[in-house]
PDB file of N, CA and C in Angstrom:
ATOM      1  N   MET A   1     -37.313  60.523  -1.208  1.00  0.00           N
ATOM      2  CA  MET A   1     -37.416  59.292  -1.952  1.00  0.00           C
ATOM      3  C   MET A   1     -38.635  59.360  -2.857  1.00  0.00           C
ATOM      4  N   LYS A   2     -38.442  59.016  -4.090  1.00  0.00           N
ATOM      5  CA  LYS A   2     -39.536  59.008  -5.046  1.00  0.00           C
ATOM      6  C   LYS A   2     -40.208  57.641  -5.030  1.00  0.00           C
ATOM      7  N   PHE A   3     -41.512  57.658  -5.175  1.00  0.00           N
ATOM      8  CA  PHE A   3     -42.273  56.422  -5.243  1.00  0.00           C
ATOM      9  C   PHE A   3     -42.768  56.207  -6.669  1.00  0.00           C
ATOM     10  N   PRO A   4     -42.950  54.951  -7.071  1.00  0.00           N
ATOM     11  CA  PRO A   4     -43.476  54.700  -8.413  1.00  0.00           C
ATOM     12  C   PRO A   4     -44.921  55.181  -8.511  1.00  0.00           C
ATOM     13  N   PRO A   5     -45.393  55.414  -9.716  1.00  0.00           N
ATOM     14  CA  PRO A   5     -46.770  55.886  -9.877  1.00  0.00           C
ATOM     15  C   PRO A   5     -47.771  54.827  -9.435  1.00  0.00           C
ATOM     16  N   PHE A   6     -48.908  55.285  -8.944  1.00  0.00           N
ATOM     17  CA  PHE A   6     -49.932  54.371  -8.467  1.00  0.00           C
ATOM     18  C   PHE A   6     -51.039  54.137  -9.489  1.00  0.00           C
ATOM     19  N   PHE A   7     -51.253  55.100 -10.389  1.00  0.00           N
ATOM     20  CA  PHE A   7     -52.319  54.970 -11.379  1.00  0.00           C
ATOM     21  C   PHE A   7     -51.814  55.355 -12.762  1.00  0.00           C
ATOM     22  N   LEU A   8     -52.414  54.744 -13.767  1.00  0.00           N
ATOM     23  CA  LEU A   8     -52.186  55.096 -15.154  1.00  0.00           C
ATOM     24  C   LEU A   8     -53.505  55.644 -15.679  1.00  0.00           C
ATOM     25  N   VAL A   9     -53.486  56.895 -16.120  1.00  0.00           N
ATOM     26  CA  VAL A   9     -54.693  57.543 -16.611  1.00  0.00           C
ATOM     27  C   VAL A   9     -54.677  57.505 -18.131  1.00  0.00           C
ATOM     28  N   PHE A  10     -55.731  56.977 -18.698  1.00  0.00           N
ATOM     29  CA  PHE A  10     -55.858  56.818 -20.138  1.00  0.00           C
ATOM     30  C   PHE A  10     -57.094  57.591 -20.588  1.00  0.00           C
ATOM     31  N   ARG A  11     -56.930  58.495 -21.548  1.00  0.00           N
ATOM     32  CA  ARG A  11     -58.058  59.282 -22.058  1.00  0.00           C
ATOM     33  C   ARG A  11     -57.966  59.395 -23.571  1.00  0.00           C
ATOM     34  N   THR A  12     -59.137  59.352 -24.209  1.00  0.00           N
ATOM     35  CA  THR A  12     -59.214  59.605 -25.642  1.00  0.00           C
ATOM     36  C   THR A  12     -60.164  60.770 -25.875  1.00  0.00           C
ATOM     37  N   TYR A  13     -59.848  61.561 -26.876  1.00  0.00           N
ATOM     38  CA  TYR A  13     -60.637  62.739 -27.213  1.00  0.00           C
ATOM     39  C   TYR A  13     -60.982  62.711 -28.692  1.00  0.00           C
ATOM     40  N   THR A  14     -62.175  63.167 -29.007  1.00  0.00           N
ATOM     41  CA  THR A  14     -62.577  63.424 -30.378  1.00  0.00           C
ATOM     42  C   THR A  14     -62.863  64.914 -30.453  1.00  0.00           C
ATOM     43  N   GLY A  15     -61.997  65.625 -31.139  1.00  0.00           N
ATOM     44  CA  GLY A  15     -62.087  67.088 -31.113  1.00  0.00           C
ATOM     45  C   GLY A  15     -61.697  67.572 -29.723  1.00  0.00           C
ATOM     46  N   ASN A  16     -62.565  68.331 -29.082  1.00  0.00           N
ATOM     47  CA  ASN A  16     -62.326  68.784 -27.709  1.00  0.00           C
ATOM     48  C   ASN A  16     -63.161  68.017 -26.703  1.00  0.00           C
ATOM     49  N   LYS A  17     -63.889  67.000 -27.158  1.00  0.00           N
ATOM     50  CA  LYS A  17     -64.779  66.237 -26.295  1.00  0.00           C
ATOM     51  C   LYS A  17     -64.128  64.928 -25.867  1.00  0.00           C
ATOM     52  N   LYS A  18     -64.141  64.673 -24.561  1.00  0.00           N
ATOM     53  CA  LYS A  18     -63.574  63.422 -24.052  1.00  0.00           C
ATOM     54  C   LYS A  18     -64.530  62.278 -24.377  1.00  0.00           C
ATOM     55  N   THR A  19     -64.013  61.243 -25.041  1.00  0.00           N
ATOM     56  CA  THR A  19     -64.864  60.121 -25.430  1.00  0.00           C
ATOM     57  C   THR A  19     -64.690  58.914 -24.520  1.00  0.00           C
ATOM     58  N   PHE A  20     -63.519  58.763 -23.926  1.00  0.00           N
ATOM     59  CA  PHE A  20     -63.279  57.610 -23.066  1.00  0.00           C
ATOM     60  C   PHE A  20     -62.192  57.963 -22.064  1.00  0.00           C
ATOM     61  N   GLY A  21     -62.388  57.552 -20.823  1.00  0.00           N
ATOM     62  CA  GLY A  21     -61.383  57.762 -19.792  1.00  0.00           C
ATOM     63  C   GLY A  21     -61.325  56.559 -18.868  1.00  0.00           C
ATOM     64  N   PHE A  22     -60.123  56.212 -18.442  1.00  0.00           N
ATOM     65  CA  PHE A  22     -59.948  55.033 -17.614  1.00  0.00           C
ATOM     66  C   PHE A  22     -58.751  55.236 -16.694  1.00  0.00           C
ATOM     67  N   TRP A  23     -58.913  54.905 -15.405  1.00  0.00           N
ATOM     68  CA  TRP A  23     -57.819  54.937 -14.435  1.00  0.00           C
ATOM     69  C   TRP A  23     -57.460  53.491 -14.119  1.00  0.00           C
ATOM     70  N   PHE A  24     -56.239  53.096 -14.443  1.00  0.00           N
ATOM     71  CA  PHE A  24     -55.782  51.732 -14.183  1.00  0.00           C
ATOM     72  C   PHE A  24     -54.883  51.743 -12.939  1.00  0.00           C
ATOM     73  N   PRO A  25     -55.197  50.916 -11.936  1.00  0.00           N
ATOM     74  CA  PRO A  25     -54.360  50.878 -10.720  1.00  0.00           C
ATOM     75  C   PRO A  25     -53.060  50.107 -10.948  1.00  0.00           C
ATOM     76  N   VAL A  26     -51.995  50.825 -11.236  1.00  0.00           N
ATOM     77  CA  VAL A  26     -50.704  50.219 -11.551  1.00  0.00           C
ATOM     78  C   VAL A  26     -50.045  49.620 -10.305  1.00  0.00           C
ATOM     79  N   PHE A  27     -50.450  50.079  -9.119  1.00  0.00           N
ATOM     80  CA  PHE A  27     -49.818  49.569  -7.903  1.00  0.00           C
ATOM     81  C   PHE A  27     -50.055  48.073  -7.730  1.00  0.00           C
ATOM     82  N   ILE A  28     -51.094  47.536  -8.345  1.00  0.00           N
ATOM     83  CA  ILE A  28     -51.320  46.088  -8.299  1.00  0.00           C
ATOM     84  C   ILE A  28     -50.187  45.366  -9.031  1.00  0.00           C
ATOM     85  N   ILE A  29     -49.760  45.904 -10.148  1.00  0.00           N
ATOM     86  CA  ILE A  29     -48.650  45.308 -10.892  1.00  0.00           C
ATOM     87  C   ILE A  29     -47.362  45.404 -10.082  1.00  0.00           C
ATOM     88  N   TRP A  30     -47.149  46.553  -9.384  1.00  0.00           N
ATOM     89  CA  TRP A  30     -45.937  46.701  -8.566  1.00  0.00           C
ATOM     90  C   TRP A  30     -45.929  45.667  -7.448  1.00  0.00           C
ATOM     91  N   LEU A  31     -47.098  45.404  -6.846  1.00  0.00           N
ATOM     92  CA  LEU A  31     -47.159  44.400  -5.777  1.00  0.00           C
ATOM     93  C   LEU A  31     -46.828  43.006  -6.321  1.00  0.00           C
ATOM     94  N   ILE A  32     -47.345  42.690  -7.487  1.00  0.00           N
ATOM     95  CA  ILE A  32     -47.056  41.386  -8.090  1.00  0.00           C
ATOM     96  C   ILE A  32     -45.569  41.268  -8.420  1.00  0.00           C
ATOM     97  N   LEU A  33     -44.977  42.326  -8.992  1.00  0.00           N
ATOM     98  CA  LEU A  33     -43.543  42.309  -9.292  1.00  0.00           C
ATOM     99  C   LEU A  33     -42.697  42.172  -8.023  1.00  0.00           C
ATOM    100  N   PHE A  34     -43.133  42.830  -6.945  1.00  0.00           N
ATOM    101  CA  PHE A  34     -42.410  42.727  -5.677  1.00  0.00           C
ATOM    102  C   PHE A  34     -42.450  41.299  -5.137  1.00  0.00           C
ATOM    103  N   LEU A  35     -43.615  40.662  -5.218  1.00  0.00           N
ATOM    104  CA  LEU A  35     -43.727  39.290  -4.730  1.00  0.00           C
ATOM    105  C   LEU A  35     -42.894  38.320  -5.570  1.00  0.00           C
ATOM    106  N   ILE A  36     -42.852  38.541  -6.877  1.00  0.00           N
ATOM    107  CA  ILE A  36     -42.020  37.697  -7.742  1.00  0.00           C
ATOM    108  C   ILE A  36     -40.541  37.895  -7.410  1.00  0.00           C
ATOM    109  N   ALA A  37     -40.131  39.152  -7.217  1.00  0.00           N
ATOM    110  CA  ALA A  37     -38.731  39.435  -6.871  1.00  0.00           C
ATOM    111  C   ALA A  37     -38.371  38.840  -5.514  1.00  0.00           C
ATOM    112  N   LEU A  38     -39.299  38.904  -4.580  1.00  0.00           N
ATOM    113  CA  LEU A  38     -39.055  38.329  -3.255  1.00  0.00           C
ATOM    114  C   LEU A  38     -38.909  36.814  -3.338  1.00  0.00           C
ATOM    115  N   ALA A  39     -39.716  36.170  -4.157  1.00  0.00           N
ATOM    116  CA  ALA A  39     -39.640  34.719  -4.306  1.00  0.00           C
ATOM    117  C   ALA A  39     -38.348  34.299  -5.015  1.00  0.00           C
ATOM    118  N   LEU A  40     -37.881  35.120  -5.948  1.00  0.00           N
ATOM    119  CA  LEU A  40     -36.673  34.775  -6.706  1.00  0.00           C
ATOM    120  C   LEU A  40     -35.383  35.275  -6.061  1.00  0.00           C
ATOM    121  N   SER A  41     -35.471  35.996  -4.959  1.00  0.00           N
ATOM    122  CA  SER A  41     -34.274  36.577  -4.350  1.00  0.00           C
ATOM    123  C   SER A  41     -33.224  35.548  -3.936  1.00  0.00           C
ATOM    124  N   PRO A  42     -33.573  34.379  -3.394  1.00  0.00           N
ATOM    125  CA  PRO A  42     -32.505  33.413  -3.098  1.00  0.00           C
ATOM    126  C   PRO A  42     -31.757  32.952  -4.343  1.00  0.00           C
ATOM    127  N   LEU A  43     -32.478  32.768  -5.433  1.00  0.00           N
ATOM    128  CA  LEU A  43     -31.819  32.354  -6.677  1.00  0.00           C
ATOM    129  C   LEU A  43     -30.937  33.467  -7.242  1.00  0.00           C
ATOM    130  N   ILE A  44     -31.391  34.706  -7.109  1.00  0.00           N
ATOM    131  CA  ILE A  44     -30.605  35.842  -7.587  1.00  0.00           C
ATOM    132  C   ILE A  44     -29.326  35.984  -6.762  1.00  0.00           C
ATOM    133  N   LEU A  45     -29.436  35.816  -5.448  1.00  0.00           N
ATOM    134  CA  LEU A  45     -28.242  35.885  -4.594  1.00  0.00           C
ATOM    135  C   LEU A  45     -27.248  34.763  -4.936  1.00  0.00           C
ATOM    136  N   LEU A  46     -27.764  33.580  -5.169  1.00  0.00           N
ATOM    137  CA  LEU A  46     -26.886  32.468  -5.534  1.00  0.00           C
ATOM    138  C   LEU A  46     -26.210  32.726  -6.882  1.00  0.00           C
ATOM    139  N   ALA A  47     -26.967  33.208  -7.841  1.00  0.00           N
ATOM    140  CA  ALA A  47     -26.393  33.511  -9.154  1.00  0.00           C
ATOM    141  C   ALA A  47     -25.358  34.632  -9.054  1.00  0.00           C
ATOM    142  N   ALA A  48     -25.616  35.618  -8.190  1.00  0.00           N
ATOM    143  CA  ALA A  48     -24.658  36.710  -8.006  1.00  0.00           C
ATOM    144  C   ALA A  48     -23.364  36.205  -7.373  1.00  0.00           C
ATOM    145  N   LEU A  49     -23.483  35.322  -6.402  1.00  0.00           N
ATOM    146  CA  LEU A  49     -22.285  34.763  -5.780  1.00  0.00           C
ATOM    147  C   LEU A  49     -21.475  33.927  -6.764  1.00  0.00           C
ATOM    148  N   LEU A  50     -22.163  33.162  -7.588  1.00  0.00           N
ATOM    149  CA  LEU A  50     -21.461  32.306  -8.543  1.00  0.00           C
ATOM    150  C   LEU A  50     -20.815  33.107  -9.676  1.00  0.00           C
ATOM    151  N   SER A  51     -21.374  34.250 -10.002  1.00  0.00           N
ATOM    152  CA  SER A  51     -20.832  35.037 -11.116  1.00  0.00           C
ATOM    153  C   SER A  51     -20.076  36.286 -10.655  1.00  0.00           C
ATOM    154  N   TRP A  52     -19.714  36.338  -9.382  1.00  0.00           N
ATOM    155  CA  TRP A  52     -19.040  37.531  -8.858  1.00  0.00           C
ATOM    156  C   TRP A  52     -17.659  37.714  -9.487  1.00  0.00           C
ATOM    157  N   ARG A  53     -16.931  36.642  -9.708  1.00  0.00           N
ATOM    158  CA  ARG A  53     -15.584  36.739 -10.279  1.00  0.00           C
ATOM    159  C   ARG A  53     -15.593  37.251 -11.711  1.00  0.00           C
ATOM    160  N   ASP A  54     -16.644  36.950 -12.446  1.00  0.00           N
ATOM    161  CA  ASP A  54     -16.744  37.393 -13.833  1.00  0.00           C
ATOM    162  C   ASP A  54     -17.156  38.857 -13.943  1.00  0.00           C
ATOM    163  N   GLY A  55     -17.575  39.457 -12.845  1.00  0.00           N
ATOM    164  CA  GLY A  55     -18.002  40.849 -12.865  1.00  0.00           C
ATOM    165  C   GLY A  55     -19.507  41.028 -13.025  1.00  0.00           C
ATOM    166  N   TRP A  56     -20.237  39.946 -13.235  1.00  0.00           N
ATOM    167  CA  TRP A  56     -21.680  40.030 -13.420  1.00  0.00           C
ATOM    168  C   TRP A  56     -22.443  40.033 -12.100  1.00  0.00           C
ATOM    169  N   GLY A  57     -21.824  39.604 -11.036  1.00  0.00           N
ATOM    170  CA  GLY A  57     -22.501  39.506  -9.743  1.00  0.00           C
ATOM    171  C   GLY A  57     -22.982  40.851  -9.224  1.00  0.00           C
ATOM    172  N   LYS A  58     -22.124  41.856  -9.307  1.00  0.00           N
ATOM    173  CA  LYS A  58     -22.503  43.185  -8.834  1.00  0.00           C
ATOM    174  C   LYS A  58     -23.631  43.769  -9.692  1.00  0.00           C
ATOM    175  N   ARG A  59     -23.534  43.576 -11.000  1.00  0.00           N
ATOM    176  CA  ARG A  59     -24.600  44.071 -11.891  1.00  0.00           C
ATOM    177  C   ARG A  59     -25.922  43.391 -11.598  1.00  0.00           C
ATOM    178  N   LEU A  60     -25.860  42.113 -11.299  1.00  0.00           N
ATOM    179  CA  LEU A  60     -27.066  41.357 -10.996  1.00  0.00           C
ATOM    180  C   LEU A  60     -27.713  41.839  -9.699  1.00  0.00           C
ATOM    181  N   LEU A  61     -26.899  42.144  -8.706  1.00  0.00           N
ATOM    182  CA  LEU A  61     -27.442  42.646  -7.441  1.00  0.00           C
ATOM    183  C   LEU A  61     -27.982  44.069  -7.560  1.00  0.00           C
ATOM    184  N   LEU A  62     -27.414  44.862  -8.452  1.00  0.00           N
ATOM    185  CA  LEU A  62     -27.870  46.244  -8.617  1.00  0.00           C
ATOM    186  C   LEU A  62     -29.037  46.382  -9.590  1.00  0.00           C
ATOM    187  N   PHE A  63     -29.438  45.293 -10.232  1.00  0.00           N
ATOM    188  CA  PHE A  63     -30.552  45.362 -11.178  1.00  0.00           C
ATOM    189  C   PHE A  63     -31.848  45.782 -10.482  1.00  0.00           C
ATOM    190  N   GLY A  64     -32.129  45.249  -9.307  1.00  0.00           N
ATOM    191  CA  GLY A  64     -33.360  45.576  -8.578  1.00  0.00           C
ATOM    192  C   GLY A  64     -33.468  47.056  -8.239  1.00  0.00           C
ATOM    193  N   PRO A  65     -32.449  47.651  -7.591  1.00  0.00           N
ATOM    194  CA  PRO A  65     -32.534  49.082  -7.305  1.00  0.00           C
ATOM    195  C   PRO A  65     -32.609  49.956  -8.552  1.00  0.00           C
ATOM    196  N   MET A  66     -31.886  49.579  -9.610  1.00  0.00           N
ATOM    197  CA  MET A  66     -31.951  50.372 -10.845  1.00  0.00           C
ATOM    198  C   MET A  66     -33.337  50.280 -11.480  1.00  0.00           C
ATOM    199  N   PHE A  67     -33.950  49.106 -11.443  1.00  0.00           N
ATOM    200  CA  PHE A  67     -35.299  48.936 -11.973  1.00  0.00           C
ATOM    201  C   PHE A  67     -36.295  49.781 -11.182  1.00  0.00           C
ATOM    202  N   PHE A  68     -36.157  49.826  -9.853  1.00  0.00           N
ATOM    203  CA  PHE A  68     -37.043  50.630  -9.024  1.00  0.00           C
ATOM    204  C   PHE A  68     -36.869  52.120  -9.324  1.00  0.00           C
ATOM    205  N   ILE A  69     -35.653  52.568  -9.558  1.00  0.00           N
ATOM    206  CA  ILE A  69     -35.410  53.979  -9.893  1.00  0.00           C
ATOM    207  C   ILE A  69     -36.083  54.336 -11.216  1.00  0.00           C
ATOM    208  N   ILE A  70     -36.011  53.435 -12.186  1.00  0.00           N
ATOM    209  CA  ILE A  70     -36.675  53.683 -13.466  1.00  0.00           C
ATOM    210  C   ILE A  70     -38.181  53.773 -13.272  1.00  0.00           C
ATOM    211  N   LEU A  71     -38.762  52.872 -12.492  1.00  0.00           N
ATOM    212  CA  LEU A  71     -40.198  52.918 -12.227  1.00  0.00           C
ATOM    213  C   LEU A  71     -40.598  54.181 -11.488  1.00  0.00           C
ATOM    214  N   ALA A  72     -39.787  54.602 -10.530  1.00  0.00           N
ATOM    215  CA  ALA A  72     -40.109  55.797  -9.762  1.00  0.00           C
ATOM    216  C   ALA A  72     -40.059  57.046 -10.636  1.00  0.00           C
ATOM    217  N   ASN A  73     -39.204  57.053 -11.632  1.00  0.00           N
ATOM    218  CA  ASN A  73     -39.117  58.219 -12.505  1.00  0.00           C
ATOM    219  C   ASN A  73     -40.215  58.261 -13.561  1.00  0.00           C
ATOM    220  N   LEU A  74     -41.052  57.233 -13.633  1.00  0.00           N
ATOM    221  CA  LEU A  74     -42.220  57.286 -14.518  1.00  0.00           C
ATOM    222  C   LEU A  74     -43.301  58.220 -13.972  1.00  0.00           C
ATOM    223  N   HIS A  75     -43.252  58.503 -12.671  1.00  0.00           N
ATOM    224  CA  HIS A  75     -44.263  59.357 -12.033  1.00  0.00           C
ATOM    225  C   HIS A  75     -44.258  60.739 -12.696  1.00  0.00           C
ATOM    226  N   GLY A  76     -45.410  61.131 -13.218  1.00  0.00           N
ATOM    227  CA  GLY A  76     -45.525  62.427 -13.873  1.00  0.00           C
ATOM    228  C   GLY A  76     -45.315  62.388 -15.373  1.00  0.00           C
ATOM    229  N   LEU A  77     -44.960  61.235 -15.924  1.00  0.00           N
ATOM    230  CA  LEU A  77     -44.776  61.116 -17.364  1.00  0.00           C
ATOM    231  C   LEU A  77     -46.119  61.261 -18.062  1.00  0.00           C
ATOM    232  N   ALA A  78     -46.181  62.124 -19.045  1.00  0.00           N
ATOM    233  CA  ALA A  78     -47.412  62.325 -19.810  1.00  0.00           C
ATOM    234  C   ALA A  78     -47.109  62.139 -21.286  1.00  0.00           C
ATOM    235  N   ILE A  79     -47.938  61.361 -21.944  1.00  0.00           N
ATOM    236  CA  ILE A  79     -47.785  61.101 -23.369  1.00  0.00           C
ATOM    237  C   ILE A  79     -49.061  61.557 -24.057  1.00  0.00           C
ATOM    238  N   HIS A  80     -48.915  62.434 -25.025  1.00  0.00           N
ATOM    239  CA  HIS A  80     -50.063  62.934 -25.768  1.00  0.00           C
ATOM    240  C   HIS A  80     -49.809  62.698 -27.254  1.00  0.00           C
ATOM    241  N   ILE A  81     -50.678  61.912 -27.860  1.00  0.00           N
ATOM    242  CA  ILE A  81     -50.584  61.619 -29.280  1.00  0.00           C
ATOM    243  C   ILE A  81     -51.873  62.108 -29.911  1.00  0.00           C
ATOM    244  N   GLY A  82     -51.762  62.941 -30.910  1.00  0.00           N
ATOM    245  CA  GLY A  82     -53.002  63.444 -31.451  1.00  0.00           C
ATOM    246  C   GLY A  82     -52.916  64.002 -32.841  1.00  0.00           C
ATOM    247  N   GLU A  83     -54.079  64.148 -33.411  1.00  0.00           N
ATOM    248  CA  GLU A  83     -54.272  64.788 -34.696  1.00  0.00           C
ATOM    249  C   GLU A  83     -55.302  65.887 -34.484  1.00  0.00           C
ATOM    250  N   GLU A  84     -55.867  66.368 -35.582  1.00  0.00           N
ATOM    251  CA  GLU A  84     -56.924  67.371 -35.481  1.00  0.00           C
ATOM    252  C   GLU A  84     -58.178  66.805 -34.830  1.00  0.00           C
ATOM    253  N   ARG A  85     -58.567  65.614 -35.259  1.00  0.00           N
ATOM    254  CA  ARG A  85     -59.859  65.088 -34.867  1.00  0.00           C
ATOM    255  C   ARG A  85     -59.800  64.142 -33.681  1.00  0.00           C
ATOM    256  N   LYS A  86     -58.748  63.359 -33.555  1.00  0.00           N
ATOM    257  CA  LYS A  86     -58.663  62.381 -32.473  1.00  0.00           C
ATOM    258  C   LYS A  86     -57.340  62.555 -31.735  1.00  0.00           C
ATOM    259  N   SER A  87     -57.387  62.344 -30.432  1.00  0.00           N
ATOM    260  CA  SER A  87     -56.170  62.406 -29.662  1.00  0.00           C
ATOM    261  C   SER A  87     -56.232  61.380 -28.523  1.00  0.00           C
ATOM    262  N   PHE A  88     -55.080  61.057 -28.035  1.00  0.00           N
ATOM    263  CA  PHE A  88     -54.892  60.016 -27.035  1.00  0.00           C
ATOM    264  C   PHE A  88     -53.967  60.586 -25.969  1.00  0.00           C
ATOM    265  N   PHE A  89     -54.343  60.444 -24.696  1.00  0.00           N
ATOM    266  CA  PHE A  89     -53.587  61.021 -23.604  1.00  0.00           C
ATOM    267  C   PHE A  89     -53.336  59.932 -22.571  1.00  0.00           C
ATOM    268  N   LEU A  90     -52.086  59.782 -22.174  1.00  0.00           N
ATOM    269  CA  LEU A  90     -51.679  58.761 -21.216  1.00  0.00           C
ATOM    270  C   LEU A  90     -50.754  59.425 -20.212  1.00  0.00           C
ATOM    271  N   THR A  91     -51.046  59.248 -18.921  1.00  0.00           N
ATOM    272  CA  THR A  91     -50.181  59.823 -17.886  1.00  0.00           C
ATOM    273  C   THR A  91     -50.090  58.906 -16.687  1.00  0.00           C
ATOM    274  N   PHE A  92     -48.965  58.944 -16.021  1.00  0.00           N
ATOM    275  CA  PHE A  92     -48.743  58.179 -14.789  1.00  0.00           C
ATOM    276  C   PHE A  92     -48.900  59.125 -13.606  1.00  0.00           C
ATOM    277  N   VAL A  93     -49.802  58.760 -12.696  1.00  0.00           N
ATOM    278  CA  VAL A  93     -50.081  59.618 -11.530  1.00  0.00           C
ATOM    279  C   VAL A  93     -49.630  58.896 -10.280  1.00  0.00           C
TER     280      VAL A  93
END
């Protein structure tokens, strides 16, 4: 089972010298999203039951697991944007 990333690493470079680096704890956002989803789960279940005949109920119930899979696949994503003089590096750890 894959877990979502816990940190977002942000770095900027000028030439080959690192000018700024920051580790952002993304797991705090995951905890907040989990608590919001937990609080809204009765409403989501009710909406899924009411829209089951239209075909939207199953999609609504599968939204949570699909969202978690997308978050888990962010682990290891690295984004590097740069020129000769300045560059920007972002990665999920």
